[in-house]
């Protein structure tokens, strides 16, 4: 009998919450005065953006912790968090383009928020590429930890870019400037994405652990391999 994995319960809860949150986003949340029904994309786009920044922050914490302690589990955590962050960032960029076309009449604009987000995505994709090319486990862990810390510089730039530069991308909203019904649905989706990310990171961490243990396993004795 397989042992119970706590992340499976988190995953079930996350999917149920996501289904309810998406129903509210599509059918119960009000349309926006200027953007009309297009605003419903933001109920997924914005949470994906928030959780992408969270996962990259977790990767940064894991990388810093690994360089300090050398614990292999933190290296696996860096790999898991980075991969989930890449998925979330790809989703937010795709949904942002779908939102931009009817809103700004363009799919993409090379303005600070979008450019910094694309740079952030490419830098963390580079970390995954680095991990796939460096065969030595110790060197891979150190190199990817250092690269993660350097790549994290993009995270606060992405977050503050709309405050630092006035461009086509609208400034960050707050509960005071958004309809309360929209705020509730947005938060429900944000928590759904958070629990999905936790589930995915936990699953991905276990995969990284199995691979790591296989890499460091002692060689079989000659009589077994003969």
Protein backbone atom coordinates (compact mmCIF):
# COMPACT_ATOMS: atom_id res chain seq x y z
CA UNK A 1 0.00 0.00 0.00
CA UNK A 2 1.41 3.37 -1.00
CA UNK A 3 2.10 5.86 1.76
CA UNK A 4 -0.11 8.95 1.95
CA UNK A 5 1.38 12.07 0.39
CA UNK A 6 0.17 15.29 2.00
CA UNK A 7 0.41 17.18 -1.30
CA UNK A 8 -2.29 14.97 -2.82
CA UNK A 9 -4.84 16.43 -0.38
CA UNK A 10 -3.58 19.92 -1.22
CA UNK A 11 -3.92 19.14 -4.92
CA UNK A 12 -7.52 17.94 -4.61
CA UNK A 13 -8.45 21.01 -2.58
CA UNK A 14 -6.65 23.27 -5.06
CA UNK A 15 -8.50 21.84 -8.06
CA UNK A 16 -11.88 22.14 -6.32
CA UNK A 17 -11.15 25.72 -5.30
CA UNK A 18 -9.93 26.50 -8.81
CA UNK A 19 -13.13 25.13 -10.34
CA UNK A 20 -15.31 27.22 -8.00
CA UNK A 21 -13.17 30.32 -8.52
CA UNK A 22 -13.31 29.95 -12.29
CA UNK A 23 -17.09 29.56 -12.20
CA UNK A 24 -17.32 32.80 -10.23
CA UNK A 25 -14.91 34.53 -12.62
CA UNK A 26 -16.94 33.51 -15.66
CA UNK A 27 -20.51 33.76 -14.41
CA UNK A 28 -20.87 35.72 -11.17
CA UNK A 29 -18.23 38.46 -11.29
CA UNK A 30 -19.48 41.71 -12.86
CA UNK A 31 -18.17 42.96 -16.18
CA UNK A 32 -15.90 46.01 -16.09
CA UNK A 33 -17.28 49.34 -17.28
CA UNK A 34 -14.62 49.97 -19.93
CA UNK A 35 -13.17 46.51 -20.65
CA UNK A 36 -16.49 44.63 -20.47
CA UNK A 37 -16.12 40.82 -20.59
CA UNK A 38 -12.40 40.94 -21.43
CA UNK A 39 -11.73 41.71 -17.78
CA UNK A 40 -12.42 38.05 -16.94
CA UNK A 41 -8.98 37.12 -18.27
CA UNK A 42 -7.49 39.10 -15.39
CA UNK A 43 -8.99 36.71 -12.86
CA UNK A 44 -6.42 34.17 -14.07
CA UNK A 45 -3.70 36.47 -15.42
CA UNK A 46 -3.20 38.43 -12.20
CA UNK A 47 -3.07 35.39 -9.84
CA UNK A 48 -0.63 33.70 -12.23
CA UNK A 49 1.57 36.80 -12.01
CA UNK A 50 1.41 36.89 -8.22
CA UNK A 51 2.23 33.20 -7.80
CA UNK A 52 5.01 33.36 -10.39
CA UNK A 53 6.74 36.00 -8.27
CA UNK A 54 6.11 33.92 -5.14
CA UNK A 55 7.63 30.76 -6.64
CA UNK A 56 10.73 32.61 -7.85
CA UNK A 57 11.07 34.12 -4.38
CA UNK A 58 10.91 30.62 -2.92
CA UNK A 59 13.61 29.53 -5.37
CA UNK A 60 15.77 32.45 -4.20
CA UNK A 61 15.27 31.47 -0.55
CA UNK A 62 16.12 27.87 -1.36
CA UNK A 63 19.23 28.88 -3.30
CA UNK A 64 20.45 31.11 -0.48
CA UNK A 65 19.77 28.39 2.05
CA UNK A 66 21.68 25.83 -0.02
CA UNK A 67 24.77 28.02 -0.30
CA UNK A 68 24.70 28.52 3.47
CA UNK A 69 23.91 24.98 4.60
CA UNK A 70 24.75 22.75 1.62
CA UNK A 71 21.59 20.72 2.22
CA UNK A 72 20.71 18.76 -0.90
CA UNK A 73 16.99 19.03 -0.27
CA UNK A 74 17.22 22.80 -0.79
CA UNK A 75 18.83 22.23 -4.18
CA UNK A 76 15.89 20.04 -5.16
CA UNK A 77 13.59 22.76 -3.87
CA UNK A 78 15.30 25.31 -6.12
CA UNK A 79 14.72 23.06 -9.12
CA UNK A 80 11.07 22.46 -8.24
CA UNK A 81 10.24 26.10 -7.50
CA UNK A 82 12.02 27.36 -10.60
CA UNK A 83 10.18 24.96 -12.88
CA UNK A 84 6.77 25.85 -11.43
CA UNK A 85 7.66 29.53 -11.67
CA UNK A 86 8.48 29.13 -15.34
CA UNK A 87 5.08 27.49 -15.92
CA UNK A 88 3.28 30.31 -14.09
CA UNK A 89 5.21 33.03 -15.93
CA UNK A 90 4.51 31.44 -19.30
CA UNK A 91 0.83 31.38 -18.38
CA UNK A 92 0.78 35.02 -17.28
CA UNK A 93 2.53 36.20 -20.46
CA UNK A 94 0.16 34.18 -22.67
CA UNK A 95 -2.93 35.47 -20.88
CA UNK A 96 -1.51 38.99 -20.86
CA UNK A 97 -1.18 38.90 -24.63
CA UNK A 98 -4.77 37.67 -24.96
CA UNK A 99 -5.85 40.57 -22.77
CA UNK A 100 -3.68 43.13 -24.57
CA UNK A 101 -5.03 42.52 -28.06
CA UNK A 102 -8.63 43.69 -27.44
CA UNK A 103 -7.53 46.25 -24.83
CA UNK A 104 -4.45 47.87 -26.38
CA UNK A 105 -4.93 46.56 -29.95
CA UNK A 106 -1.52 44.84 -29.84
CA UNK A 107 -0.38 41.40 -28.74
CA UNK A 108 2.88 42.66 -27.23
CA UNK A 109 4.59 45.96 -26.45
CA UNK A 110 8.24 46.27 -25.47
CA UNK A 111 7.48 48.39 -22.41
CA UNK A 112 9.14 47.99 -18.98
CA UNK A 113 6.65 45.60 -17.34
CA UNK A 114 6.48 43.22 -20.29
CA UNK A 115 10.19 43.44 -21.09
CA UNK A 116 11.25 42.80 -17.50
CA UNK A 117 8.82 39.88 -17.26
CA UNK A 118 10.19 38.33 -20.45
CA UNK A 119 13.73 38.80 -19.11
CA UNK A 120 12.73 37.16 -15.84
CA UNK A 121 11.26 34.19 -17.68
CA UNK A 122 14.31 33.71 -19.89
CA UNK A 123 16.71 33.96 -16.95
CA UNK A 124 14.93 31.23 -15.01
CA UNK A 125 14.58 29.07 -18.11
CA UNK A 126 18.35 29.45 -18.38
CA UNK A 127 18.68 27.98 -14.88
CA UNK A 128 16.73 24.90 -15.94
CA UNK A 129 18.94 24.58 -19.02
CA UNK A 130 22.00 24.91 -16.78
CA UNK A 131 20.74 22.16 -14.52
CA UNK A 132 20.15 19.86 -17.48
CA UNK A 133 23.66 20.35 -18.89
CA UNK A 134 25.88 20.18 -15.78
CA UNK A 135 26.31 16.51 -14.88
CA UNK A 136 28.20 16.81 -11.61
CA UNK A 137 25.61 17.12 -8.84
CA UNK A 138 27.70 19.35 -6.57
CA UNK A 139 28.73 21.78 -9.29
CA UNK A 140 25.17 21.85 -10.68
CA UNK A 141 23.76 22.74 -7.26
CA UNK A 142 26.26 25.55 -6.65
CA UNK A 143 26.02 26.97 -10.17
CA UNK A 144 22.22 26.94 -10.24
CA UNK A 145 22.00 28.45 -6.74
CA UNK A 146 24.25 31.33 -7.77
CA UNK A 147 22.30 31.80 -11.02
CA UNK A 148 19.01 31.79 -9.12
CA UNK A 149 20.19 34.53 -6.77
CA UNK A 150 21.34 36.64 -9.73
CA UNK A 151 18.10 36.03 -11.63
CA UNK A 152 16.04 37.07 -8.62
CA UNK A 153 17.08 40.67 -9.30
CA UNK A 154 14.39 40.69 -12.00
CA UNK A 155 11.59 39.84 -9.54
CA UNK A 156 11.37 43.20 -7.70
CA UNK A 157 11.91 45.00 -11.02
CA UNK A 158 8.85 43.24 -12.46
CA UNK A 159 6.78 44.04 -9.38
CA UNK A 160 7.67 47.74 -9.20
CA UNK A 161 7.98 48.44 -12.93
CA UNK A 162 4.47 49.85 -13.31
CA UNK A 163 5.17 52.28 -10.47
CA UNK A 164 8.58 53.31 -11.72
CA UNK A 165 7.59 53.85 -15.38
CA UNK A 166 4.31 55.19 -16.77
CA UNK A 167 3.56 53.08 -19.86
CA UNK A 168 0.70 51.31 -21.59
CA UNK A 169 0.44 48.77 -18.76
CA UNK A 170 -1.96 50.04 -16.12
CA UNK A 171 -0.79 50.66 -12.57
CA UNK A 172 -1.43 48.11 -9.84
CA UNK A 173 -4.97 48.13 -8.51
CA UNK A 174 -6.00 47.82 -4.86
CA UNK A 175 -9.20 46.73 -3.08
CA UNK A 176 -10.08 50.40 -2.76
CA UNK A 177 -10.17 50.85 -6.55
CA UNK A 178 -11.81 47.55 -7.53
CA UNK A 179 -15.41 46.38 -7.18
CA UNK A 180 -15.73 44.26 -3.98
CA UNK A 181 -17.26 41.39 -5.97
CA UNK A 182 -14.22 41.39 -8.25
CA UNK A 183 -11.85 41.50 -5.28
CA UNK A 184 -13.42 38.37 -3.75
CA UNK A 185 -13.22 36.40 -7.01
CA UNK A 186 -9.66 37.57 -7.62
CA UNK A 187 -8.58 36.45 -4.16
CA UNK A 188 -10.32 33.10 -4.57
CA UNK A 189 -8.39 32.50 -7.79
CA UNK A 190 -5.17 33.66 -6.15
CA UNK A 191 -5.54 31.10 -3.35
CA UNK A 192 -6.42 28.43 -5.91
CA UNK A 193 -3.23 29.20 -7.83
CA UNK A 194 -1.23 29.24 -4.59
CA UNK A 195 -2.38 25.76 -3.58
CA UNK A 196 -1.84 24.47 -7.12
CA UNK A 197 1.70 25.82 -6.99
CA UNK A 198 2.32 24.17 -3.60
CA UNK A 199 1.07 20.86 -4.99
CA UNK A 200 3.20 21.14 -8.12
CA UNK A 201 6.33 22.14 -6.19
CA UNK A 202 5.92 19.23 -3.78
CA UNK A 203 5.47 16.75 -6.63
CA UNK A 204 8.38 18.20 -8.55
CA UNK A 205 10.55 18.13 -5.42
CA UNK A 206 9.95 14.41 -5.00
CA UNK A 207 10.98 13.82 -8.64
CA UNK A 208 14.16 15.86 -8.12
CA UNK A 209 14.84 13.90 -4.93
CA UNK A 210 14.54 10.54 -6.69
CA UNK A 211 16.88 11.69 -9.45
CA UNK A 212 19.33 13.11 -6.94
CA UNK A 213 19.43 9.95 -4.86
CA UNK A 214 19.90 7.87 -8.02
CA UNK A 215 22.86 10.05 -9.02
CA UNK A 216 24.58 9.71 -5.66
CA UNK A 217 23.77 6.03 -5.10
CA UNK A 218 26.86 3.83 -4.67
CA UNK A 219 27.74 1.59 -7.62
CA UNK A 220 26.47 -1.98 -7.60
CA UNK A 221 28.97 -4.67 -6.62
CA UNK A 222 30.65 -6.57 -9.50
CA UNK A 223 28.75 -9.80 -8.81
CA UNK A 224 25.43 -7.95 -9.31
CA UNK A 225 26.43 -6.23 -12.56
CA UNK A 226 28.09 -9.31 -14.05
